[in-house]
C-alpha atoms as a PDB file:
ATOM      1  CA  MET A   1     193.955  -6.260 -68.444  1.00  0.00           C
ATOM      2  CA  ASP A   2     194.659  -4.839 -64.895  1.00  0.00           C
ATOM      3  CA  ILE A   3     197.518  -2.865 -63.200  1.00  0.00           C
ATOM      4  CA  GLY A   4     198.922  -1.715 -60.320  1.00  0.00           C
ATOM      5  CA  ILE A   5     199.495   1.507 -59.401  1.00  0.00           C
ATOM      6  CA  VAL A   6     201.776   3.306 -56.477  1.00  0.00           C
ATOM      7  CA  GLY A   7     201.645   7.053 -55.748  1.00  0.00           C
ATOM      8  CA  LEU A   8     198.816   8.683 -56.501  1.00  0.00           C
ATOM      9  CA  GLY A   9     199.484  12.398 -56.803  1.00  0.00           C
ATOM     10  CA  ARG A  10     199.312  14.685 -60.117  1.00  0.00           C
ATOM     11  CA  MET A  11     201.027  12.657 -62.338  1.00  0.00           C
ATOM     12  CA  GLY A  12     199.820   9.109 -61.048  1.00  0.00           C
ATOM     13  CA  GLY A  13     196.593   9.840 -60.542  1.00  0.00           C
ATOM     14  CA  ASN A  14     195.839  11.200 -63.799  1.00  0.00           C
ATOM     15  CA  MET A  15     197.411   8.164 -65.345  1.00  0.00           C
ATOM     16  CA  ALA A  16     195.170   6.301 -63.809  1.00  0.00           C
ATOM     17  CA  ARG A  17     192.369   8.273 -64.498  1.00  0.00           C
ATOM     18  CA  ARG A  18     193.792   7.689 -68.535  1.00  0.00           C
ATOM     19  CA  LEU A  19     194.187   4.040 -68.193  1.00  0.00           C
ATOM     20  CA  SER A  20     190.542   3.286 -66.567  1.00  0.00           C
ATOM     21  CA  ARG A  21     188.560   5.759 -69.198  1.00  0.00           C
ATOM     22  CA  ALA A  22     190.061   2.666 -71.964  1.00  0.00           C
ATOM     23  CA  GLY A  23     188.807  -0.138 -69.570  1.00  0.00           C
ATOM     24  CA  VAL A  24     191.718  -0.677 -67.614  1.00  0.00           C
ATOM     25  CA  ARG A  25     191.074  -1.930 -63.988  1.00  0.00           C
ATOM     26  CA  VAL A  26     193.618  -0.188 -61.804  1.00  0.00           C
ATOM     27  CA  VAL A  27     194.295  -0.875 -58.515  1.00  0.00           C
ATOM     28  CA  GLY A  28     196.015   1.888 -56.787  1.00  0.00           C
ATOM     29  CA  PHE A  29     198.033   2.596 -53.621  1.00  0.00           C
ATOM     30  CA  ASP A  30     198.656   5.632 -52.286  1.00  0.00           C
ATOM     31  CA  VAL A  31     200.199   6.813 -48.193  1.00  0.00           C
ATOM     32  CA  GLU A  32     197.741   9.019 -48.240  1.00  0.00           C
ATOM     33  CA  SER A  33     194.507   7.453 -47.745  1.00  0.00           C
ATOM     34  CA  ALA A  34     192.263  10.196 -48.832  1.00  0.00           C
ATOM     35  CA  THR A  35     193.939  10.593 -51.943  1.00  0.00           C
ATOM     36  CA  ARG A  36     193.085   6.625 -52.416  1.00  0.00           C
ATOM     37  CA  LEU A  37     189.497   7.286 -51.359  1.00  0.00           C
ATOM     38  CA  ALA A  38     188.826  10.329 -53.958  1.00  0.00           C
ATOM     39  CA  LEU A  39     190.212   8.466 -56.877  1.00  0.00           C
ATOM     40  CA  HIS A  40     187.519   5.518 -55.908  1.00  0.00           C
ATOM     41  CA  ALA A  41     185.040   7.782 -55.052  1.00  0.00           C
ATOM     42  CA  GLU A  42     185.338   8.598 -58.638  1.00  0.00           C
ATOM     43  CA  HIS A  43     185.647   5.342 -60.160  1.00  0.00           C
ATOM     44  CA  VAL A  44     189.015   5.166 -61.208  1.00  0.00           C
ATOM     45  CA  ILE A  45     190.918   2.611 -59.102  1.00  0.00           C
ATOM     46  CA  GLU A  46     190.014  -0.963 -56.996  1.00  0.00           C
ATOM     47  CA  PRO A  47     192.278   1.109 -53.123  1.00  0.00           C
ATOM     48  CA  ALA A  48     194.602  -1.136 -51.861  1.00  0.00           C
ATOM     49  CA  ASP A  49     195.670   0.005 -48.060  1.00  0.00           C
ATOM     50  CA  SER A  50     199.513  -1.415 -48.229  1.00  0.00           C
ATOM     51  CA  LEU A  51     201.857  -2.517 -50.964  1.00  0.00           C
ATOM     52  CA  GLN A  52     201.324  -5.707 -49.907  1.00  0.00           C
ATOM     53  CA  GLY A  53     197.798  -5.740 -50.457  1.00  0.00           C
ATOM     54  CA  LEU A  54     198.158  -4.309 -53.706  1.00  0.00           C
ATOM     55  CA  VAL A  55     200.139  -6.837 -55.181  1.00  0.00           C
ATOM     56  CA  ALA A  56     197.517  -9.856 -54.098  1.00  0.00           C
ATOM     57  CA  LYS A  57     194.653  -7.698 -55.951  1.00  0.00           C
ATOM     58  CA  LEU A  58     196.867  -8.290 -59.190  1.00  0.00           C
ATOM     59  CA  ALA A  59     196.493 -11.387 -62.086  1.00  0.00           C
ATOM     60  CA  THR A  60     200.149 -13.007 -62.528  1.00  0.00           C
ATOM     61  CA  PRO A  61     202.214 -11.567 -64.022  1.00  0.00           C
ATOM     62  CA  ARG A  62     201.582  -8.460 -62.525  1.00  0.00           C
ATOM     63  CA  ILE A  63     202.726  -5.460 -63.383  1.00  0.00           C
ATOM     64  CA  VAL A  64     203.267  -2.939 -60.373  1.00  0.00           C
ATOM     65  CA  TRP A  65     204.230   0.753 -61.344  1.00  0.00           C
ATOM     66  CA  LEU A  66     205.321   3.292 -59.185  1.00  0.00           C
ATOM     67  CA  MET A  67     204.977   7.017 -59.553  1.00  0.00           C
ATOM     68  CA  VAL A  68     206.841   8.168 -56.616  1.00  0.00           C
ATOM     69  CA  PRO A  69     209.686  10.835 -56.057  1.00  0.00           C
ATOM     70  CA  ALA A  70     213.288   9.529 -57.060  1.00  0.00           C
ATOM     71  CA  GLY A  71     215.935   8.280 -54.630  1.00  0.00           C
ATOM     72  CA  THR A  72     215.423   7.131 -51.489  1.00  0.00           C
ATOM     73  CA  THR A  73     211.315   6.389 -51.649  1.00  0.00           C
ATOM     74  CA  THR A  74     211.450   4.869 -54.511  1.00  0.00           C
ATOM     75  CA  GLU A  75     214.552   2.391 -53.108  1.00  0.00           C
ATOM     76  CA  LEU A  76     212.456   1.568 -50.060  1.00  0.00           C
ATOM     77  CA  MET A  77     208.984   1.489 -52.670  1.00  0.00           C
ATOM     78  CA  ILE A  78     211.045  -1.198 -54.585  1.00  0.00           C
ATOM     79  CA  GLU A  79     212.943  -3.302 -51.507  1.00  0.00           C
ATOM     80  CA  ASP A  80     209.291  -3.705 -49.741  1.00  0.00           C
ATOM     81  CA  VAL A  81     207.640  -4.493 -53.033  1.00  0.00           C
ATOM     82  CA  TRP A  82     209.832  -6.992 -54.521  1.00  0.00           C
ATOM     83  CA  PRO A  83     209.399  -9.599 -51.894  1.00  0.00           C
ATOM     84  CA  GLU A  84     205.621  -9.991 -53.010  1.00  0.00           C
ATOM     85  CA  LEU A  85     206.610 -10.616 -56.369  1.00  0.00           C
ATOM     86  CA  GLY A  86     207.479 -13.804 -58.111  1.00  0.00           C
ATOM     87  CA  ARG A  87     208.955 -14.395 -61.585  1.00  0.00           C
ATOM     88  CA  GLY A  88     207.570 -13.260 -64.544  1.00  0.00           C
ATOM     89  CA  ASP A  89     206.490  -9.838 -62.935  1.00  0.00           C
ATOM     90  CA  VAL A  90     207.192  -6.444 -63.871  1.00  0.00           C
ATOM     91  CA  ILE A  91     208.267  -3.338 -61.673  1.00  0.00           C
ATOM     92  CA  VAL A  92     207.603   0.116 -64.010  1.00  0.00           C
ATOM     93  CA  ASP A  93     209.645   2.922 -62.141  1.00  0.00           C
ATOM     94  CA  GLY A  94     207.917   6.498 -63.656  1.00  0.00           C
ATOM     95  CA  GLY A  95     209.730   8.575 -61.497  1.00  0.00           C
ATOM     96  CA  ASN A  96     212.635  10.641 -62.896  1.00  0.00           C
ATOM     97  CA  ALA A  97     215.561   8.681 -61.245  1.00  0.00           C
ATOM     98  CA  TYR A  98     218.764   8.413 -62.055  1.00  0.00           C
ATOM     99  CA  TYR A  99     219.710   6.228 -64.602  1.00  0.00           C
ATOM    100  CA  LYS A 100     222.525   4.327 -63.398  1.00  0.00           C
ATOM    101  CA  ASP A 101     220.575   3.743 -60.333  1.00  0.00           C
ATOM    102  CA  SER A 102     218.070   2.821 -63.013  1.00  0.00           C
ATOM    103  CA  GLN A 103     220.780  -0.406 -63.944  1.00  0.00           C
ATOM    104  CA  ARG A 104     221.358  -1.308 -60.663  1.00  0.00           C
ATOM    105  CA  ARG A 105     217.954  -2.002 -59.821  1.00  0.00           C
ATOM    106  CA  ALA A 106     217.165  -3.839 -63.459  1.00  0.00           C
ATOM    107  CA  ALA A 107     220.758  -6.098 -62.694  1.00  0.00           C
ATOM    108  CA  ALA A 108     218.773  -7.212 -58.692  1.00  0.00           C
ATOM    109  CA  LEU A 109     215.735  -7.423 -59.732  1.00  0.00           C
ATOM    110  CA  ALA A 110     216.674  -9.664 -62.849  1.00  0.00           C
ATOM    111  CA  SER A 111     218.869 -12.389 -60.308  1.00  0.00           C
ATOM    112  CA  ALA A 112     214.905 -12.733 -58.775  1.00  0.00           C
ATOM    113  CA  GLY A 113     213.189 -12.835 -61.916  1.00  0.00           C
ATOM    114  CA  ILE A 114     211.876  -9.736 -62.263  1.00  0.00           C
ATOM    115  CA  HIS A 115     211.203  -7.638 -64.782  1.00  0.00           C
ATOM    116  CA  PHE A 116     212.010  -3.589 -64.362  1.00  0.00           C
ATOM    117  CA  VAL A 117     211.129  -1.163 -66.641  1.00  0.00           C
ATOM    118  CA  ASP A 118     212.122   2.286 -66.022  1.00  0.00           C
ATOM    119  CA  CYS A 119     209.695   4.795 -67.975  1.00  0.00           C
ATOM    120  CA  GLY A 120     210.877   9.000 -68.468  1.00  0.00           C
ATOM    121  CA  VAL A 121     207.473  10.305 -68.396  1.00  0.00           C
ATOM    122  CA  SER A 122     206.545  13.467 -69.932  1.00  0.00           C
ATOM    123  CA  GLY A 123     203.320  15.427 -69.801  1.00  0.00           C
ATOM    124  CA  GLY A 124     203.089  16.654 -66.679  1.00  0.00           C
ATOM    125  CA  VAL A 125     199.221  18.162 -65.846  1.00  0.00           C
ATOM    126  CA  TRP A 126     198.157  17.962 -69.334  1.00  0.00           C
ATOM    127  CA  GLY A 127     198.649  13.963 -69.655  1.00  0.00           C
ATOM    128  CA  LEU A 128     195.585  13.321 -68.705  1.00  0.00           C
ATOM    129  CA  ASP A 129     193.466  14.713 -71.631  1.00  0.00           C
ATOM    130  CA  ASN A 130     196.674  15.417 -74.802  1.00  0.00           C
ATOM    131  CA  GLY A 131     198.515  11.560 -74.041  1.00  0.00           C
ATOM    132  CA  TYR A 132     202.085  11.641 -72.149  1.00  0.00           C
ATOM    133  CA  THR A 133     205.275  11.029 -74.114  1.00  0.00           C
ATOM    134  CA  LEU A 134     206.929   7.676 -72.880  1.00  0.00           C
ATOM    135  CA  THR A 135     210.665   6.627 -73.572  1.00  0.00           C
ATOM    136  CA  TYR A 136     211.549   3.303 -70.955  1.00  0.00           C
ATOM    137  CA  GLY A 137     213.733   1.251 -71.062  1.00  0.00           C
ATOM    138  CA  ALA A 138     213.480  -2.688 -70.439  1.00  0.00           C
ATOM    139  CA  ASP A 139     214.144  -5.973 -71.900  1.00  0.00           C
ATOM    140  CA  ALA A 140     212.323  -8.223 -74.443  1.00  0.00           C
ATOM    141  CA  GLU A 141     209.840  -9.757 -72.210  1.00  0.00           C
ATOM    142  CA  ALA A 142     208.980  -6.749 -70.264  1.00  0.00           C
ATOM    143  CA  VAL A 143     207.937  -4.533 -73.294  1.00  0.00           C
ATOM    144  CA  ARG A 144     205.947  -7.366 -74.565  1.00  0.00           C
ATOM    145  CA  ALA A 145     204.009  -7.071 -71.216  1.00  0.00           C
ATOM    146  CA  ILE A 146     203.530  -3.282 -70.798  1.00  0.00           C
ATOM    147  CA  LEU A 147     202.805  -1.861 -74.259  1.00  0.00           C
ATOM    148  CA  PRO A 148     199.159  -2.510 -74.327  1.00  0.00           C
ATOM    149  CA  TYR A 149     199.454  -0.239 -71.386  1.00  0.00           C
ATOM    150  CA  MET A 150     201.728   2.255 -73.469  1.00  0.00           C
ATOM    151  CA  LYS A 151     199.379   2.576 -75.913  1.00  0.00           C
ATOM    152  CA  ILE A 152     197.218   3.533 -73.501  1.00  0.00           C
ATOM    153  CA  LEU A 153     198.488   6.065 -72.068  1.00  0.00           C
ATOM    154  CA  ALA A 154     200.639   7.558 -74.961  1.00  0.00           C
ATOM    155  CA  PRO A 155     198.719  10.275 -77.206  1.00  0.00           C
ATOM    156  CA  ALA A 156     198.231   7.749 -79.838  1.00  0.00           C
ATOM    157  CA  ALA A 157     199.255   4.208 -80.412  1.00  0.00           C
ATOM    158  CA  GLU A 158     201.480   4.310 -82.269  1.00  0.00           C
ATOM    159  CA  GLN A 159     203.199   7.837 -81.763  1.00  0.00           C
ATOM    160  CA  GLY A 160     204.672   9.200 -78.679  1.00  0.00           C
ATOM    161  CA  HIS A 161     205.678   6.113 -76.413  1.00  0.00           C
ATOM    162  CA  LEU A 162     209.546   4.385 -77.365  1.00  0.00           C
ATOM    163  CA  HIS A 163     211.327   1.508 -76.346  1.00  0.00           C
ATOM    164  CA  CYS A 164     214.708   3.171 -75.736  1.00  0.00           C
ATOM    165  CA  GLY A 165     216.949   0.116 -75.079  1.00  0.00           C
ATOM    166  CA  PRO A 166     217.661  -1.680 -72.169  1.00  0.00           C
ATOM    167  CA  PRO A 167     217.364  -1.185 -68.454  1.00  0.00           C
ATOM    168  CA  GLY A 168     218.463   2.115 -67.840  1.00  0.00           C
ATOM    169  CA  ALA A 169     217.973   4.014 -71.314  1.00  0.00           C
ATOM    170  CA  GLY A 170     214.952   4.891 -70.970  1.00  0.00           C
ATOM    171  CA  HIS A 171     215.610   7.437 -67.313  1.00  0.00           C
ATOM    172  CA  PHE A 172     218.910   7.940 -69.579  1.00  0.00           C
ATOM    173  CA  VAL A 173     216.464   9.482 -72.817  1.00  0.00           C
ATOM    174  CA  LYS A 174     214.450  11.523 -69.842  1.00  0.00           C
ATOM    175  CA  MET A 175     217.529  12.933 -67.950  1.00  0.00           C
ATOM    176  CA  ILE A 176     218.293  14.526 -71.330  1.00  0.00           C
ATOM    177  CA  HIS A 177     215.117  15.510 -72.251  1.00  0.00           C
ATOM    178  CA  ASN A 178     214.747  17.712 -68.894  1.00  0.00           C
ATOM    179  CA  GLY A 179     218.700  19.105 -69.576  1.00  0.00           C
ATOM    180  CA  ILE A 180     217.161  20.221 -72.982  1.00  0.00           C
ATOM    181  CA  GLU A 181     213.880  22.017 -71.437  1.00  0.00           C
ATOM    182  CA  TYR A 182     215.827  24.044 -69.154  1.00  0.00           C
ATOM    183  CA  GLY A 183     218.230  25.281 -71.891  1.00  0.00           C
ATOM    184  CA  MET A 184     214.215  25.695 -73.832  1.00  0.00           C
ATOM    185  CA  MET A 185     213.029  27.721 -70.551  1.00  0.00           C
ATOM    186  CA  GLN A 186     216.334  29.755 -69.897  1.00  0.00           C
ATOM    187  CA  ALA A 187     216.180  30.964 -73.789  1.00  0.00           C
ATOM    188  CA  TYR A 188     212.388  31.717 -73.663  1.00  0.00           C
ATOM    189  CA  GLY A 189     213.129  33.656 -70.769  1.00  0.00           C
ATOM    190  CA  GLU A 190     216.199  35.713 -71.669  1.00  0.00           C
ATOM    191  CA  GLY A 191     214.463  37.300 -74.544  1.00  0.00           C
ATOM    192  CA  PHE A 192     211.012  37.982 -73.053  1.00  0.00           C
ATOM    193  CA  ALA A 193     213.274  39.853 -70.141  1.00  0.00           C
ATOM    194  CA  LEU A 194     214.810  41.781 -72.935  1.00  0.00           C
ATOM    195  CA  LEU A 195     211.724  42.896 -74.400  1.00  0.00           C
ATOM    196  CA  GLU A 196     209.948  43.584 -71.619  1.00  0.00           C
ATOM    197  CA  ASN A 197     212.984  46.077 -70.391  1.00  0.00           C
ATOM    198  CA  LYS A 198     212.415  48.297 -73.699  1.00  0.00           C
ATOM    199  CA  ARG A 199     210.204  50.221 -72.200  1.00  0.00           C
ATOM    200  CA  GLU A 200     210.764  52.913 -75.131  1.00  0.00           C
ATOM    201  CA  PHE A 201     208.916  50.957 -77.546  1.00  0.00           C
ATOM    202  CA  GLU A 202     205.927  50.262 -75.377  1.00  0.00           C
ATOM    203  CA  LEU A 203     205.798  46.671 -76.434  1.00  0.00           C
ATOM    204  CA  ASP A 204     202.828  44.134 -75.476  1.00  0.00           C
ATOM    205  CA  VAL A 205     205.001  40.743 -74.345  1.00  0.00           C
ATOM    206  CA  ALA A 206     201.622  39.359 -74.143  1.00  0.00           C
ATOM    207  CA  ALA A 207     201.053  40.024 -77.947  1.00  0.00           C
ATOM    208  CA  ILE A 208     204.493  39.055 -79.134  1.00  0.00           C
ATOM    209  CA  ALA A 209     204.518  35.315 -77.689  1.00  0.00           C
ATOM    210  CA  GLN A 210     201.076  35.110 -78.966  1.00  0.00           C
ATOM    211  CA  THR A 211     202.017  36.179 -82.454  1.00  0.00           C
ATOM    212  CA  TRP A 212     204.750  33.851 -82.316  1.00  0.00           C
ATOM    213  CA  ARG A 213     202.652  30.685 -81.695  1.00  0.00           C
ATOM    214  CA  TYR A 214     202.115  30.730 -85.873  1.00  0.00           C
ATOM    215  CA  GLY A 215     204.716  30.253 -88.208  1.00  0.00           C
ATOM    216  CA  SER A 216     207.534  31.168 -86.191  1.00  0.00           C
ATOM    217  CA  VAL A 217     210.965  29.085 -86.148  1.00  0.00           C
ATOM    218  CA  ILE A 218     210.824  28.965 -81.993  1.00  0.00           C
ATOM    219  CA  ARG A 219     206.886  28.541 -82.077  1.00  0.00           C
ATOM    220  CA  SER A 220     206.107  25.726 -79.513  1.00  0.00           C
ATOM    221  CA  TRP A 221     204.050  24.003 -76.350  1.00  0.00           C
ATOM    222  CA  LEU A 222     206.106  26.132 -74.452  1.00  0.00           C
ATOM    223  CA  LEU A 223     205.889  28.880 -76.089  1.00  0.00           C
ATOM    224  CA  ASP A 224     202.031  28.139 -75.858  1.00  0.00           C
ATOM    225  CA  LEU A 225     202.204  28.080 -72.111  1.00  0.00           C
ATOM    226  CA  THR A 226     204.039  31.455 -72.039  1.00  0.00           C
ATOM    227  CA  ALA A 227     201.591  33.166 -74.055  1.00  0.00           C
ATOM    228  CA  GLU A 228     198.844  31.925 -71.803  1.00  0.00           C
ATOM    229  CA  PHE A 229     200.042  33.260 -68.500  1.00  0.00           C
ATOM    230  CA  LEU A 230     201.704  36.471 -69.745  1.00  0.00           C
ATOM    231  CA  HIS A 231     197.915  37.476 -71.495  1.00  0.00           C
ATOM    232  CA  ALA A 232     196.834  36.782 -68.101  1.00  0.00           C
ATOM    233  CA  ASP A 233     199.285  38.993 -65.944  1.00  0.00           C
ATOM    234  CA  ALA A 234     202.071  40.375 -68.196  1.00  0.00           C
ATOM    235  CA  GLU A 235     202.909  41.823 -65.188  1.00  0.00           C
ATOM    236  CA  LEU A 236     204.166  39.116 -63.198  1.00  0.00           C
ATOM    237  CA  GLY A 237     204.468  41.079 -60.363  1.00  0.00           C
ATOM    238  CA  ALA A 238     203.213  38.862 -57.342  1.00  0.00           C
ATOM    239  CA  ILE A 239     205.817  35.750 -58.879  1.00  0.00           C
ATOM    240  CA  ALA A 240     209.746  35.482 -56.878  1.00  0.00           C
ATOM    241  CA  PRO A 241     212.431  35.547 -59.716  1.00  0.00           C
ATOM    242  CA  VAL A 242     213.141  31.978 -57.535  1.00  0.00           C
ATOM    243  CA  VAL A 243     213.115  28.660 -60.250  1.00  0.00           C
ATOM    244  CA  ALA A 244     213.891  25.222 -58.222  1.00  0.00           C
ATOM    245  CA  ASP A 245     216.024  22.716 -59.925  1.00  0.00           C
ATOM    246  CA  SER A 246     215.486  19.042 -59.762  1.00  0.00           C
ATOM    247  CA  GLY A 247     218.093  15.719 -60.233  1.00  0.00           C
ATOM    248  CA  GLU A 248     217.784  15.567 -63.942  1.00  0.00           C
ATOM    249  CA  GLY A 249     219.315  18.847 -64.575  1.00  0.00           C
ATOM    250  CA  ARG A 250     222.268  18.014 -62.415  1.00  0.00           C
ATOM    251  CA  TRP A 251     222.425  14.496 -63.994  1.00  0.00           C
ATOM    252  CA  THR A 252     222.553  15.844 -67.946  1.00  0.00           C
ATOM    253  CA  VAL A 253     225.567  18.848 -66.890  1.00  0.00           C
ATOM    254  CA  GLN A 254     227.212  15.836 -64.964  1.00  0.00           C
ATOM    255  CA  GLU A 255     226.500  13.250 -68.007  1.00  0.00           C
ATOM    256  CA  ALA A 256     227.931  16.098 -70.640  1.00  0.00           C
ATOM    257  CA  ILE A 257     231.685  16.378 -67.993  1.00  0.00           C
ATOM    258  CA  GLU A 258     232.012  12.049 -67.945  1.00  0.00           C
ATOM    259  CA  GLN A 259     231.399  12.340 -71.567  1.00  0.00           C
ATOM    260  CA  GLY A 260     233.653  14.922 -72.762  1.00  0.00           C
ATOM    261  CA  VAL A 261     230.950  16.368 -74.468  1.00  0.00           C
ATOM    262  CA  PRO A 262     230.362  20.342 -74.272  1.00  0.00           C
ATOM    263  CA  ALA A 263     227.243  21.350 -73.857  1.00  0.00           C
ATOM    264  CA  PRO A 264     227.133  24.972 -72.758  1.00  0.00           C
ATOM    265  CA  VAL A 265     224.098  25.613 -72.563  1.00  0.00           C
ATOM    266  CA  LEU A 266     222.205  23.294 -70.827  1.00  0.00           C
ATOM    267  CA  SER A 267     225.421  23.717 -67.726  1.00  0.00           C
ATOM    268  CA  LEU A 268     224.488  27.780 -68.180  1.00  0.00           C
ATOM    269  CA  ALA A 269     220.699  27.517 -68.055  1.00  0.00           C
ATOM    270  CA  LEU A 270     221.653  25.030 -64.722  1.00  0.00           C
ATOM    271  CA  MET A 271     223.717  27.791 -63.029  1.00  0.00           C
ATOM    272  CA  ALA A 272     221.089  30.495 -63.714  1.00  0.00           C
ATOM    273  CA  ARG A 273     218.544  28.192 -61.760  1.00  0.00           C
ATOM    274  CA  PHE A 274     221.352  28.269 -59.374  1.00  0.00           C
ATOM    275  CA  SER A 275     221.878  32.038 -59.097  1.00  0.00           C
ATOM    276  CA  SER A 276     218.035  32.989 -59.102  1.00  0.00           C
ATOM    277  CA  GLN A 277     217.634  30.471 -55.875  1.00  0.00           C
ATOM    278  CA  GLY A 278     220.179  33.016 -53.874  1.00  0.00           C
ATOM    279  CA  ARG A 279     223.376  30.519 -54.334  1.00  0.00           C
ATOM    280  CA  GLY A 280     225.199  33.562 -56.714  1.00  0.00           C
ATOM    281  CA  GLU A 281     225.093  36.464 -53.539  1.00  0.00           C
ATOM    282  CA  TYR A 282     227.793  35.487 -51.584  1.00  0.00           C
ATOM    283  CA  ALA A 283     230.200  35.568 -55.044  1.00  0.00           C
ATOM    284  CA  GLN A 284     228.188  39.106 -56.253  1.00  0.00           C
ATOM    285  CA  LYS A 285     229.404  40.099 -52.952  1.00  0.00           C
ATOM    286  CA  ILE A 286     233.145  39.528 -52.960  1.00  0.00           C
ATOM    287  CA  LEU A 287     232.865  40.888 -56.485  1.00  0.00           C
ATOM    288  CA  ALA A 288     231.664  43.961 -54.942  1.00  0.00           C
ATOM    289  CA  MET A 289     234.122  44.554 -52.575  1.00  0.00           C
ATOM    290  CA  MET A 290     236.638  43.850 -54.894  1.00  0.00           C
ATOM    291  CA  ARG A 291     235.909  46.690 -56.732  1.00  0.00           C
ATOM    292  CA  LYS A 292     235.499  48.551 -53.610  1.00  0.00           C
ATOM    293  CA  SER A 293     239.353  47.627 -53.004  1.00  0.00           C
ATOM    294  CA  PHE A 294     241.160  48.140 -56.140  1.00  0.00           C
ATOM    295  CA  GLY A 295     239.030  51.144 -57.538  1.00  0.00           C
ATOM    296  CA  GLY A 296     237.373  52.359 -54.893  1.00  0.00           C
ATOM    297  CA  HIS A 297     234.077  51.764 -56.257  1.00  0.00           C
ATOM    298  CA  PRO A 298     230.964  52.264 -53.876  1.00  0.00           C
ATOM    299  CA  VAL A 299     228.906  49.282 -52.781  1.00  0.00           C
ATOM    300  CA  GLN A 300     225.311  49.204 -52.107  1.00  0.00           C
ATOM    301  CA  SER A 301     223.992  48.250 -48.615  1.00  0.00           C
ATOM    302  CA  ALA A 302     222.070  45.231 -48.253  1.00  0.00           C
ATOM    303  CA  ASP A 303     218.798  47.839 -47.307  1.00  0.00           C
ATOM    304  CA  ARG A 304     218.922  49.265 -50.305  1.00  0.00           C
ATOM    305  CA  ALA A 305     219.576  46.811 -52.811  1.00  0.00           C
ATOM    306  CA  GLN A 306     216.522  45.230 -51.116  1.00  0.00           C
ATOM    307  CA  SER A 307     214.448  48.655 -51.599  1.00  0.00           C
END
């Protein structure tokens, strides 16, 4: 068994390690030569210095797995590798691409006889040891080609990976997964904020998080991680209150609008991230000035608010 992996960062590199540990020959390419050389030194990959070189090292039918950022980078990688492949070869996109882009790419590649698999990958930095959750969209022939690799990458051979449907289905399922993730994280964050702010009880939020891990209906891996970092630093004084958002949360809310399906929790979780990034500050200034205008209420100066 051999496979080509393009993009050897935190996710791609660890996926290469997990496959290599199972005896798979992994040919790897990354634009950073140091990254390639480091994994080669670990005896994880056989390095390639270009996409063309990577394809040339693979046996047919070739499987090229992309672990690069969604959007322009993915588009350019597919455009570059497409001419090097032949009928029956497979491209797997393991990035968090928009599912409609994946449908378009699958249709274009199918015209050349190349299979396209859109694969949602979840597991983060823990996937190397625990395995990855994999939800993928593909045709039947592509599924047969990639299934042995899915069984290795997943937590168990028969668990944690799913052929969700035709091309586009895998990234659609991962998009909704990440939307749910936004909502769960927001609920935990708000709940712990209420606990921390109730100063009269002098609550130990780290101990509460640890206790909830056992038997509670809200126990989860997210709670496990929360308990761990609160145990190390419950004050979080050095952490800026800014939370980034990625495309999946926005696309999930957009999908809810397109379907006319109410998703208030997921939508508000996304809005909360926008607020943390300062995108609501001007609106808050407008509110303060309106209160001053109609009721004579005082407003705080920017210097005082920051002190």
